[in-house]
Amino acid sequence: MTNCLYSEDAVVVDHPFITSRGAGTALAFAFAIVSTLKGSACAEQLQTDMVYSH
């Protein structure tokens, strides 16, 4: 591929795309989707409620 950037981050948000590395990053991927659609405060509250730390 040309003209692309490779990342080893667990989740990558490059609007309008959100992608992750695989099943092991499912929660981080879900929080990125929530953050994009509902805002970072909502995603942070959800993480707190679920006792999730990244």
PDB file of N, CA and C in Angstrom:
ATOM      1  N   MET A   1       0.848  -1.179   0.000  1.00  0.00           N
ATOM      2  CA  MET A   1       0.000   0.000   0.000  1.00  0.00           C
ATOM      3  C   MET A   1       0.889   1.236   0.000  1.00  0.00           C
ATOM      4  N   THR A   2       0.421   2.242  -0.637  1.00  0.00           N
ATOM      5  CA  THR A   2       1.134   3.513  -0.638  1.00  0.00           C
ATOM      6  C   THR A   2       0.259   4.574   0.010  1.00  0.00           C
ATOM      7  N   ASN A   3       0.898   5.629   0.457  1.00  0.00           N
ATOM      8  CA  ASN A   3       0.190   6.757   1.076  1.00  0.00           C
ATOM      9  C   ASN A   3      -0.654   6.336   2.275  1.00  0.00           C
ATOM     10  N   CYS A   4      -0.116   5.480   3.121  1.00  0.00           N
ATOM     11  CA  CYS A   4      -0.835   5.085   4.323  1.00  0.00           C
ATOM     12  C   CYS A   4       0.117   5.120   5.519  1.00  0.00           C
ATOM     13  N   LEU A   5      -0.450   5.189   6.696  1.00  0.00           N
ATOM     14  CA  LEU A   5       0.313   5.176   7.939  1.00  0.00           C
ATOM     15  C   LEU A   5      -0.020   3.906   8.693  1.00  0.00           C
ATOM     16  N   TYR A   6       0.997   3.196   9.135  1.00  0.00           N
ATOM     17  CA  TYR A   6       0.814   1.970   9.902  1.00  0.00           C
ATOM     18  C   TYR A   6       0.855   2.302  11.382  1.00  0.00           C
ATOM     19  N   SER A   7      -0.029   1.696  12.149  1.00  0.00           N
ATOM     20  CA  SER A   7      -0.066   1.932  13.587  1.00  0.00           C
ATOM     21  C   SER A   7      -0.229   0.610  14.320  1.00  0.00           C
ATOM     22  N   GLU A   8       0.453   0.486  15.442  1.00  0.00           N
ATOM     23  CA  GLU A   8       0.278  -0.684  16.303  1.00  0.00           C
ATOM     24  C   GLU A   8      -0.586  -0.359  17.516  1.00  0.00           C
ATOM     25  N   ASP A   9      -1.273   0.780  17.482  1.00  0.00           N
ATOM     26  CA  ASP A   9      -2.176   1.148  18.568  1.00  0.00           C
ATOM     27  C   ASP A   9      -3.313   0.136  18.651  1.00  0.00           C
ATOM     28  N   ALA A  10      -3.838  -0.035  19.852  1.00  0.00           N
ATOM     29  CA  ALA A  10      -4.953  -0.970  20.036  1.00  0.00           C
ATOM     30  C   ALA A  10      -6.172  -0.540  19.227  1.00  0.00           C
ATOM     31  N   VAL A  11      -6.443   0.761  19.226  1.00  0.00           N
ATOM     32  CA  VAL A  11      -7.578   1.314  18.488  1.00  0.00           C
ATOM     33  C   VAL A  11      -7.100   2.555  17.744  1.00  0.00           C
ATOM     34  N   VAL A  12      -7.546   2.696  16.513  1.00  0.00           N
ATOM     35  CA  VAL A  12      -7.209   3.872  15.714  1.00  0.00           C
ATOM     36  C   VAL A  12      -8.502   4.520  15.246  1.00  0.00           C
ATOM     37  N   VAL A  13      -8.614   5.826  15.505  1.00  0.00           N
ATOM     38  CA  VAL A  13      -9.756   6.611  15.031  1.00  0.00           C
ATOM     39  C   VAL A  13      -9.224   7.580  13.994  1.00  0.00           C
ATOM     40  N   ASP A  14      -9.638   7.390  12.760  1.00  0.00           N
ATOM     41  CA  ASP A  14      -9.254   8.256  11.647  1.00  0.00           C
ATOM     42  C   ASP A  14     -10.531   8.531  10.877  1.00  0.00           C
ATOM     43  N   HIS A  15     -11.222   9.572  11.334  1.00  0.00           N
ATOM     44  CA  HIS A  15     -12.582   9.844  10.850  1.00  0.00           C
ATOM     45  C   HIS A  15     -12.667   9.747   9.346  1.00  0.00           C
ATOM     46  N   PRO A  16     -13.644   9.005   8.865  1.00  0.00           N
ATOM     47  CA  PRO A  16     -14.794   8.424   9.554  1.00  0.00           C
ATOM     48  C   PRO A  16     -14.573   6.983  10.011  1.00  0.00           C
ATOM     49  N   PHE A  17     -13.340   6.523  10.015  1.00  0.00           N
ATOM     50  CA  PHE A  17     -13.062   5.115  10.322  1.00  0.00           C
ATOM     51  C   PHE A  17     -12.597   4.926  11.758  1.00  0.00           C
ATOM     52  N   ILE A  18     -13.051   3.835  12.365  1.00  0.00           N
ATOM     53  CA  ILE A  18     -12.579   3.398  13.677  1.00  0.00           C
ATOM     54  C   ILE A  18     -12.231   1.926  13.512  1.00  0.00           C
ATOM     55  N   THR A  19     -11.022   1.559  13.888  1.00  0.00           N
ATOM     56  CA  THR A  19     -10.612   0.167  13.727  1.00  0.00           C
ATOM     57  C   THR A  19      -9.778  -0.261  14.931  1.00  0.00           C
ATOM     58  N   SER A  20      -9.682  -1.573  15.115  1.00  0.00           N
ATOM     59  CA  SER A  20      -8.860  -2.078  16.218  1.00  0.00           C
ATOM     60  C   SER A  20      -8.087  -3.301  15.752  1.00  0.00           C
ATOM     61  N   ARG A  21      -7.233  -3.802  16.624  1.00  0.00           N
ATOM     62  CA  ARG A  21      -6.313  -4.871  16.257  1.00  0.00           C
ATOM     63  C   ARG A  21      -6.941  -6.255  16.295  1.00  0.00           C
ATOM     64  N   GLY A  22      -8.048  -6.437  16.985  1.00  0.00           N
ATOM     65  CA  GLY A  22      -8.657  -7.764  17.026  1.00  0.00           C
ATOM     66  C   GLY A  22      -9.515  -7.948  18.257  1.00  0.00           C
ATOM     67  N   ALA A  23      -9.875  -9.188  18.525  1.00  0.00           N
ATOM     68  CA  ALA A  23     -10.803  -9.512  19.614  1.00  0.00           C
ATOM     69  C   ALA A  23     -10.297  -9.055  20.983  1.00  0.00           C
ATOM     70  N   GLY A  24      -9.004  -9.072  21.180  1.00  0.00           N
ATOM     71  CA  GLY A  24      -8.430  -8.664  22.462  1.00  0.00           C
ATOM     72  C   GLY A  24      -8.606  -7.193  22.771  1.00  0.00           C
ATOM     73  N   THR A  25      -8.979  -6.406  21.792  1.00  0.00           N
ATOM     74  CA  THR A  25      -9.171  -4.969  21.992  1.00  0.00           C
ATOM     75  C   THR A  25     -10.643  -4.578  21.883  1.00  0.00           C
ATOM     76  N   ALA A  26     -11.538  -5.539  22.053  1.00  0.00           N
ATOM     77  CA  ALA A  26     -12.973  -5.295  21.859  1.00  0.00           C
ATOM     78  C   ALA A  26     -13.516  -4.199  22.772  1.00  0.00           C
ATOM     79  N   LEU A  27     -13.126  -4.196  24.045  1.00  0.00           N
ATOM     80  CA  LEU A  27     -13.640  -3.156  24.944  1.00  0.00           C
ATOM     81  C   LEU A  27     -13.099  -1.783  24.566  1.00  0.00           C
ATOM     82  N   ALA A  28     -11.822  -1.696  24.281  1.00  0.00           N
ATOM     83  CA  ALA A  28     -11.244  -0.413  23.868  1.00  0.00           C
ATOM     84  C   ALA A  28     -11.908   0.079  22.586  1.00  0.00           C
ATOM     85  N   PHE A  29     -12.196  -0.838  21.674  1.00  0.00           N
ATOM     86  CA  PHE A  29     -12.877  -0.510  20.427  1.00  0.00           C
ATOM     87  C   PHE A  29     -14.280   0.013  20.716  1.00  0.00           C
ATOM     88  N   ALA A  30     -14.992  -0.661  21.598  1.00  0.00           N
ATOM     89  CA  ALA A  30     -16.348  -0.238  21.962  1.00  0.00           C
ATOM     90  C   ALA A  30     -16.341   1.149  22.595  1.00  0.00           C
ATOM     91  N   PHE A  31     -15.381   1.412  23.482  1.00  0.00           N
ATOM     92  CA  PHE A  31     -15.302   2.725  24.121  1.00  0.00           C
ATOM     93  C   PHE A  31     -14.961   3.813  23.104  1.00  0.00           C
ATOM     94  N   ALA A  32     -14.152   3.492  22.107  1.00  0.00           N
ATOM     95  CA  ALA A  32     -13.839   4.462  21.056  1.00  0.00           C
ATOM     96  C   ALA A  32     -15.089   4.795  20.249  1.00  0.00           C
ATOM     97  N   ILE A  33     -15.909   3.794  19.991  1.00  0.00           N
ATOM     98  CA  ILE A  33     -17.161   4.031  19.266  1.00  0.00           C
ATOM     99  C   ILE A  33     -18.093   4.908  20.102  1.00  0.00           C
ATOM    100  N   VAL A  34     -18.238   4.575  21.379  1.00  0.00           N
ATOM    101  CA  VAL A  34     -19.089   5.378  22.269  1.00  0.00           C
ATOM    102  C   VAL A  34     -18.571   6.806  22.340  1.00  0.00           C
ATOM    103  N   SER A  35     -17.270   6.966  22.468  1.00  0.00           N
ATOM    104  CA  SER A  35     -16.677   8.297  22.541  1.00  0.00           C
ATOM    105  C   SER A  35     -16.957   9.103  21.281  1.00  0.00           C
ATOM    106  N   THR A  36     -16.868   8.465  20.138  1.00  0.00           N
ATOM    107  CA  THR A  36     -17.117   9.146  18.867  1.00  0.00           C
ATOM    108  C   THR A  36     -18.587   9.520  18.715  1.00  0.00           C
ATOM    109  N   LEU A  37     -19.475   8.623  19.094  1.00  0.00           N
ATOM    110  CA  LEU A  37     -20.903   8.864  18.888  1.00  0.00           C
ATOM    111  C   LEU A  37     -21.559   9.683  19.997  1.00  0.00           C
ATOM    112  N   LYS A  38     -21.126   9.482  21.236  1.00  0.00           N
ATOM    113  CA  LYS A  38     -21.801  10.113  22.378  1.00  0.00           C
ATOM    114  C   LYS A  38     -20.925  11.091  23.156  1.00  0.00           C
ATOM    115  N   GLY A  39     -19.625  11.134  22.852  1.00  0.00           N
ATOM    116  CA  GLY A  39     -18.723  12.060  23.534  1.00  0.00           C
ATOM    117  C   GLY A  39     -17.828  11.358  24.534  1.00  0.00           C
ATOM    118  N   SER A  40     -16.690  11.983  24.805  1.00  0.00           N
ATOM    119  CA  SER A  40     -15.698  11.369  25.688  1.00  0.00           C
ATOM    120  C   SER A  40     -16.191  11.249  27.130  1.00  0.00           C
ATOM    121  N   ALA A  41     -17.006  12.189  27.588  1.00  0.00           N
ATOM    122  CA  ALA A  41     -17.525  12.113  28.963  1.00  0.00           C
ATOM    123  C   ALA A  41     -18.381  10.864  29.145  1.00  0.00           C
ATOM    124  N   CYS A  42     -19.181  10.543  28.159  1.00  0.00           N
ATOM    125  CA  CYS A  42     -20.028   9.345  28.216  1.00  0.00           C
ATOM    126  C   CYS A  42     -19.155   8.089  28.236  1.00  0.00           C
ATOM    127  N   ALA A  43     -18.142   8.050  27.386  1.00  0.00           N
ATOM    128  CA  ALA A  43     -17.252   6.888  27.336  1.00  0.00           C
ATOM    129  C   ALA A  43     -16.486   6.730  28.647  1.00  0.00           C
ATOM    130  N   GLU A  44     -16.025   7.846  29.219  1.00  0.00           N
ATOM    131  CA  GLU A  44     -15.293   7.784  30.484  1.00  0.00           C
ATOM    132  C   GLU A  44     -16.196   7.304  31.621  1.00  0.00           C
ATOM    133  N   GLN A  45     -17.445   7.759  31.641  1.00  0.00           N
ATOM    134  CA  GLN A  45     -18.384   7.316  32.670  1.00  0.00           C
ATOM    135  C   GLN A  45     -18.661   5.826  32.524  1.00  0.00           C
ATOM    136  N   LEU A  46     -18.823   5.364  31.310  1.00  0.00           N
ATOM    137  CA  LEU A  46     -19.048   3.943  31.051  1.00  0.00           C
ATOM    138  C   LEU A  46     -17.853   3.110  31.524  1.00  0.00           C
ATOM    139  N   GLN A  47     -16.648   3.595  31.256  1.00  0.00           N
ATOM    140  CA  GLN A  47     -15.440   2.889  31.715  1.00  0.00           C
ATOM    141  C   GLN A  47     -15.389   2.824  33.235  1.00  0.00           C
ATOM    142  N   THR A  48     -15.738   3.920  33.880  1.00  0.00           N
ATOM    143  CA  THR A  48     -15.766   3.954  35.345  1.00  0.00           C
ATOM    144  C   THR A  48     -16.806   2.984  35.884  1.00  0.00           C
ATOM    145  N   ASP A  49     -17.988   2.998  35.294  1.00  0.00           N
ATOM    146  CA  ASP A  49     -19.065   2.115  35.740  1.00  0.00           C
ATOM    147  C   ASP A  49     -18.710   0.639  35.546  1.00  0.00           C
ATOM    148  N   MET A  50     -17.906   0.351  34.526  1.00  0.00           N
ATOM    149  CA  MET A  50     -17.528  -1.027  34.238  1.00  0.00           C
ATOM    150  C   MET A  50     -16.203  -1.421  34.898  1.00  0.00           C
ATOM    151  N   VAL A  51     -15.605  -0.479  35.650  1.00  0.00           N
ATOM    152  CA  VAL A  51     -14.315  -0.686  36.315  1.00  0.00           C
ATOM    153  C   VAL A  51     -13.266  -1.139  35.283  1.00  0.00           C
ATOM    154  N   TYR A  52     -13.153  -0.361  34.223  1.00  0.00           N
ATOM    155  CA  TYR A  52     -12.215  -0.630  33.128  1.00  0.00           C
ATOM    156  C   TYR A  52     -11.130   0.416  33.154  1.00  0.00           C
ATOM    157  N   SER A  53      -9.887  -0.011  33.108  1.00  0.00           N
ATOM    158  CA  SER A  53      -8.775   0.932  32.966  1.00  0.00           C
ATOM    159  C   SER A  53      -7.900   0.452  31.828  1.00  0.00           C
ATOM    160  N   HIS A  54      -7.430   1.354  31.049  1.00  0.00           N
ATOM    161  CA  HIS A  54      -6.621   0.974  29.884  1.00  0.00           C
ATOM    162  C   HIS A  54      -5.194   1.333  30.050  1.00  0.00           C
TER     163      HIS A  54
END
